[in-house]
Amino acid sequence: MKIIPAIDLIDGKCVRLVNGDYDKKTEYSANPLDIAKDFQSKNSRYLHLVDLDGALSGRVSNEVLVKKIIENTELEVELGGGIRNFKTAKKWLDIGVKRVILGSIAVKNIEIVKELIDFYGSQKIIVGVDALNGLVAINGWREITGIKASSFSYDLQKIGVKEIIYTDISKDGALEGINLKEMQEMISTGVDVVASGGVTSIDDLIKLKEIGCVGAIIGKALYTGHIDLLKANSL
């Protein structure tokens, strides 16, 4: 199982939100590159970046910083936040991001996802499925649709999506543990699932591995010391 530490970016700084609420922001570092280097020193291979400025504005933000992280570490960077068209996805991939994560746009215009997969291949394109009570959320989690996450997963697979990042919004940044039931339901649809939201302990990681998640994203638990990254990477 892939262990993927996360850095969320606002104004070039490393922050964490609670339940996606920008008003519940904690700043952890003014130098995300140092954080990324620390992750690498603890045997991490992957890095999950979220451009929270881009998620709000729909424009590429923090580009210089992301490029600096790519050029000064050996981490495989995946990035999401504000990627709403082919041009933006291309821009991130061109500067060295290994995989782009499509969120709201995958719900609003699934054809763009198909176009990107047809052009770049399924290994470069991930869809972030964010849900509250099993229903897909969009627009920075401010709008809950009536679409069941599991049904959406089947639609994504039909157009060639191989991997999704499934985030339980109610758990994100809350350090309350994971929602195994929903993770299992998503895995049962046949798509590769990377778990996100609420990963709080090594025990959570072990459970996710046991039910068949292909990866787990760890955010706040790393910054608060709830999870030792070196130990997590040895699982």
Protein backbone atom coordinates (compact mmCIF):
# COMPACT_ATOMS: atom_id res chain seq x y z
CA MET A 1 0.00 0.00 0.00
CA LYS A 2 1.30 3.45 -0.93
CA ILE A 3 1.84 5.81 1.99
CA ILE A 4 1.33 9.34 0.67
CA PRO A 5 2.10 12.30 2.95
CA ALA A 6 0.20 15.47 2.15
CA ILE A 7 0.97 19.16 1.92
CA ASP A 8 -1.88 21.63 1.47
CA LEU A 9 -0.83 25.01 0.09
CA ILE A 10 -2.23 28.47 0.72
CA ASP A 11 -0.16 31.55 -0.14
CA GLY A 12 2.96 29.39 -0.45
CA LYS A 13 2.58 28.01 3.07
CA CYS A 14 1.86 24.54 4.41
CA VAL A 15 -1.55 24.49 6.10
CA ARG A 16 -4.27 22.09 7.19
CA LEU A 17 -8.00 22.67 7.19
CA VAL A 18 -10.72 20.93 9.21
CA ASN A 19 -13.53 19.45 7.09
CA GLY A 20 -12.34 21.59 4.17
CA ASP A 21 -13.28 24.80 5.99
CA TYR A 22 -10.95 27.67 5.02
CA ASP A 23 -11.94 29.45 8.25
CA LYS A 24 -10.52 26.52 10.24
CA LYS A 25 -6.97 26.84 8.98
CA THR A 26 -3.77 25.98 10.84
CA GLU A 27 -0.42 26.99 9.39
CA TYR A 28 2.32 24.44 9.98
CA SER A 29 5.22 25.81 7.95
CA ALA A 30 6.18 28.81 5.87
CA ASN A 31 8.53 26.57 3.87
CA PRO A 32 6.75 23.57 2.33
CA LEU A 33 9.97 22.53 0.54
CA ASP A 34 11.54 21.77 3.92
CA ILE A 35 8.50 19.66 4.80
CA ALA A 36 8.78 17.75 1.51
CA LYS A 37 12.49 17.12 2.10
CA ASP A 38 11.70 15.83 5.58
CA PHE A 39 9.13 13.42 4.13
CA GLN A 40 11.74 12.16 1.68
CA SER A 41 14.28 11.68 4.48
CA LYS A 42 11.74 9.37 6.15
CA ASN A 43 11.66 7.07 3.11
CA SER A 44 8.63 8.55 1.38
CA ARG A 45 8.37 8.01 -2.35
CA TYR A 46 5.19 9.97 -2.97
CA LEU A 47 3.83 13.43 -2.15
CA HIS A 48 0.22 14.62 -2.30
CA LEU A 49 -0.06 18.36 -2.96
CA VAL A 50 -3.27 20.35 -2.84
CA ASP A 51 -3.34 23.84 -4.31
CA LEU A 52 -6.04 25.28 -2.06
CA ASP A 53 -5.68 28.72 -3.64
CA GLY A 54 -6.37 27.12 -7.01
CA ALA A 55 -9.30 25.19 -5.60
CA LEU A 56 -10.97 28.48 -4.73
CA SER A 57 -9.98 30.53 -7.76
CA GLY A 58 -9.89 27.89 -10.49
CA ARG A 59 -6.52 29.24 -11.59
CA VAL A 60 -3.01 27.78 -11.29
CA SER A 61 -1.44 29.00 -8.05
CA ASN A 62 1.75 28.17 -6.15
CA GLU A 63 3.35 27.10 -9.43
CA VAL A 64 6.87 28.31 -8.54
CA LEU A 65 6.77 26.50 -5.21
CA VAL A 66 5.49 23.24 -6.71
CA LYS A 67 8.22 23.35 -9.34
CA LYS A 68 10.82 23.95 -6.63
CA ILE A 69 9.62 20.88 -4.72
CA ILE A 70 9.76 18.75 -7.86
CA GLU A 71 13.25 19.95 -8.76
CA ASN A 72 14.71 19.63 -5.26
CA THR A 73 13.33 16.26 -4.18
CA GLU A 74 12.94 12.82 -5.72
CA LEU A 75 9.32 12.54 -4.66
CA GLU A 76 6.63 11.55 -7.13
CA VAL A 77 4.23 14.46 -6.87
CA GLU A 78 0.50 14.22 -7.43
CA LEU A 79 -1.46 17.45 -7.35
CA GLY A 80 -5.05 18.57 -7.16
CA GLY A 81 -6.93 21.79 -6.60
CA GLY A 82 -8.56 23.95 -9.25
CA ILE A 83 -7.85 21.69 -12.22
CA ARG A 84 -10.97 22.40 -14.25
CA ASN A 85 -9.84 22.06 -17.84
CA PHE A 86 -7.41 20.28 -20.13
CA LYS A 87 -5.07 23.29 -20.29
CA THR A 88 -4.54 23.46 -16.52
CA ALA A 89 -3.94 19.71 -16.25
CA LYS A 90 -1.41 19.95 -19.07
CA LYS A 91 0.40 22.84 -17.39
CA TRP A 92 0.94 20.89 -14.19
CA LEU A 93 2.04 17.74 -16.02
CA ASP A 94 4.43 19.77 -18.17
CA ILE A 95 6.25 21.16 -15.11
CA GLY A 96 6.82 17.67 -13.73
CA VAL A 97 3.79 16.66 -11.68
CA LYS A 98 3.45 12.87 -12.10
CA ARG A 99 -0.32 12.69 -11.65
CA VAL A 100 -3.07 15.28 -11.64
CA ILE A 101 -6.17 14.93 -9.53
CA LEU A 102 -9.51 16.02 -10.98
CA GLY A 103 -12.29 16.88 -8.58
CA SER A 104 -15.38 18.97 -9.29
CA ILE A 105 -14.81 18.99 -13.04
CA ALA A 106 -15.11 15.20 -13.15
CA VAL A 107 -18.67 15.56 -11.85
CA LYS A 108 -19.58 18.55 -13.99
CA ASN A 109 -17.93 17.45 -17.24
CA ILE A 110 -16.79 13.85 -17.25
CA GLU A 111 -15.77 14.18 -20.91
CA ILE A 112 -12.72 16.21 -19.88
CA VAL A 113 -11.58 13.28 -17.76
CA LYS A 114 -11.96 10.97 -20.73
CA GLU A 115 -10.03 13.36 -23.00
CA LEU A 116 -7.15 13.53 -20.53
CA ILE A 117 -7.04 9.75 -20.10
CA ASP A 118 -7.11 9.23 -23.85
CA PHE A 119 -4.22 11.69 -24.25
CA TYR A 120 -2.03 10.94 -21.20
CA GLY A 121 -3.11 7.47 -20.09
CA SER A 122 -4.89 6.38 -16.92
CA GLN A 123 -1.68 6.38 -14.84
CA LYS A 124 -1.45 10.18 -15.09
CA ILE A 125 -5.05 10.97 -14.25
CA ILE A 126 -6.67 10.42 -10.84
CA VAL A 127 -10.15 11.48 -9.81
CA GLY A 128 -10.77 12.75 -6.33
CA VAL A 129 -14.16 11.60 -5.10
CA ASP A 130 -15.08 13.66 -2.04
CA ALA A 131 -18.22 12.65 -0.22
CA LEU A 132 -20.36 13.47 2.78
CA ASN A 133 -22.65 10.70 3.97
CA GLY A 134 -21.89 8.83 0.76
CA LEU A 135 -22.91 11.71 -1.53
CA VAL A 136 -20.42 13.45 -3.81
CA ALA A 137 -19.43 17.01 -2.92
CA ILE A 138 -18.09 19.63 -5.33
CA ASN A 139 -16.90 23.24 -5.42
CA GLY A 140 -14.49 23.01 -2.51
CA TRP A 141 -16.96 20.79 -0.63
CA ARG A 142 -19.42 23.67 -0.44
CA GLU A 143 -22.05 21.89 -2.55
CA ILE A 144 -23.37 18.39 -1.84
CA THR A 145 -24.82 16.73 -4.93
CA GLY A 146 -27.38 13.97 -4.99
CA ILE A 147 -24.90 11.61 -6.65
CA LYS A 148 -23.93 8.48 -4.77
CA ALA A 149 -20.17 8.07 -4.60
CA SER A 150 -20.37 4.38 -5.48
CA SER A 151 -22.51 5.07 -8.57
CA PHE A 152 -20.08 7.78 -9.65
CA SER A 153 -17.23 5.28 -9.31
CA TYR A 154 -18.89 2.98 -11.85
CA ASP A 155 -19.31 5.90 -14.27
CA LEU A 156 -15.64 6.78 -13.93
CA GLN A 157 -14.52 3.25 -14.64
CA LYS A 158 -16.52 3.22 -17.86
CA ILE A 159 -14.33 6.02 -19.25
CA GLY A 160 -11.05 4.42 -18.17
CA VAL A 161 -10.39 5.74 -14.65
CA LYS A 162 -8.29 3.19 -12.76
CA GLU A 163 -7.67 4.97 -9.46
CA ILE A 164 -9.61 7.35 -7.25
CA ILE A 165 -8.81 9.20 -4.06
CA TYR A 166 -11.80 8.80 -1.79
CA THR A 167 -12.17 11.47 0.88
CA ASP A 168 -14.71 11.27 3.66
CA ILE A 169 -15.28 14.98 4.31
CA SER A 170 -16.67 14.43 7.79
CA LYS A 171 -13.37 12.87 8.83
CA ASP A 172 -10.94 15.15 7.03
CA GLY A 173 -8.55 16.96 9.35
CA ALA A 174 -10.57 15.92 12.40
CA LEU A 175 -8.22 13.17 13.69
CA GLU A 176 -11.22 10.95 14.38
CA GLY A 177 -10.18 7.84 12.48
CA ILE A 178 -11.38 6.45 9.19
CA ASN A 179 -14.74 5.40 7.79
CA LEU A 180 -13.98 1.79 6.90
CA LYS A 181 -17.52 1.03 5.79
CA GLU A 182 -17.52 3.68 3.06
CA MET A 183 -13.99 2.75 1.98
CA GLN A 184 -15.06 -0.88 1.60
CA GLU A 185 -18.11 0.14 -0.42
CA MET A 186 -15.92 2.10 -2.84
CA ILE A 187 -13.41 -0.76 -3.16
CA SER A 188 -16.29 -3.14 -3.94
CA THR A 189 -17.02 -1.13 -7.12
CA GLY A 190 -13.76 -2.44 -8.57
CA VAL A 191 -11.73 0.76 -8.74
CA ASP A 192 -8.36 1.18 -7.00
CA VAL A 193 -8.99 3.30 -3.91
CA VAL A 194 -6.58 5.61 -2.13
CA ALA A 195 -8.05 6.52 1.25
CA SER A 196 -8.07 10.11 2.46
CA GLY A 197 -9.63 11.83 5.43
CA GLY A 198 -9.25 10.88 9.07
CA VAL A 199 -6.16 8.65 8.92
CA THR A 200 -5.02 9.10 12.51
CA SER A 201 -2.92 6.11 13.54
CA ILE A 202 -0.75 3.26 12.34
CA ASP A 203 -3.69 1.01 13.20
CA ASP A 204 -5.83 2.94 10.69
CA LEU A 205 -3.21 2.28 8.01
CA ILE A 206 -3.12 -1.42 8.82
CA LYS A 207 -6.93 -1.64 8.55
CA LEU A 208 -6.93 0.17 5.22
CA LYS A 209 -4.29 -2.20 3.90
CA GLU A 210 -6.28 -5.20 5.09
CA ILE A 211 -9.49 -4.14 3.29
CA GLY A 212 -7.62 -3.57 0.03
CA CYS A 213 -6.88 0.14 -0.29
CA VAL A 214 -3.98 0.70 -2.71
CA GLY A 215 -2.85 3.78 -0.81
CA ALA A 216 -3.50 6.15 2.05
CA ILE A 217 -2.99 9.90 2.25
CA ILE A 218 -1.80 11.20 5.61
CA GLY A 219 -2.07 14.87 6.46
CA LYS A 220 -2.76 16.37 9.85
CA ALA A 221 -1.74 13.22 11.74
CA LEU A 222 1.84 13.75 10.56
CA TYR A 223 1.95 17.36 11.72
CA THR A 224 0.49 16.60 15.13
CA GLY A 225 2.72 13.58 15.74
CA HIS A 226 -0.10 11.03 15.78
CA ILE A 227 1.69 9.04 13.05
CA ASP A 228 5.43 8.43 12.72
CA LEU A 229 6.07 8.61 8.97
CA LEU A 230 9.18 6.46 9.11
CA LYS A 231 7.19 3.73 10.84
CA ALA A 232 4.29 4.12 8.41
CA ASN A 233 6.63 3.72 5.44
CA SER A 234 7.89 0.44 6.89
CA LEU A 235 4.45 -1.22 6.81
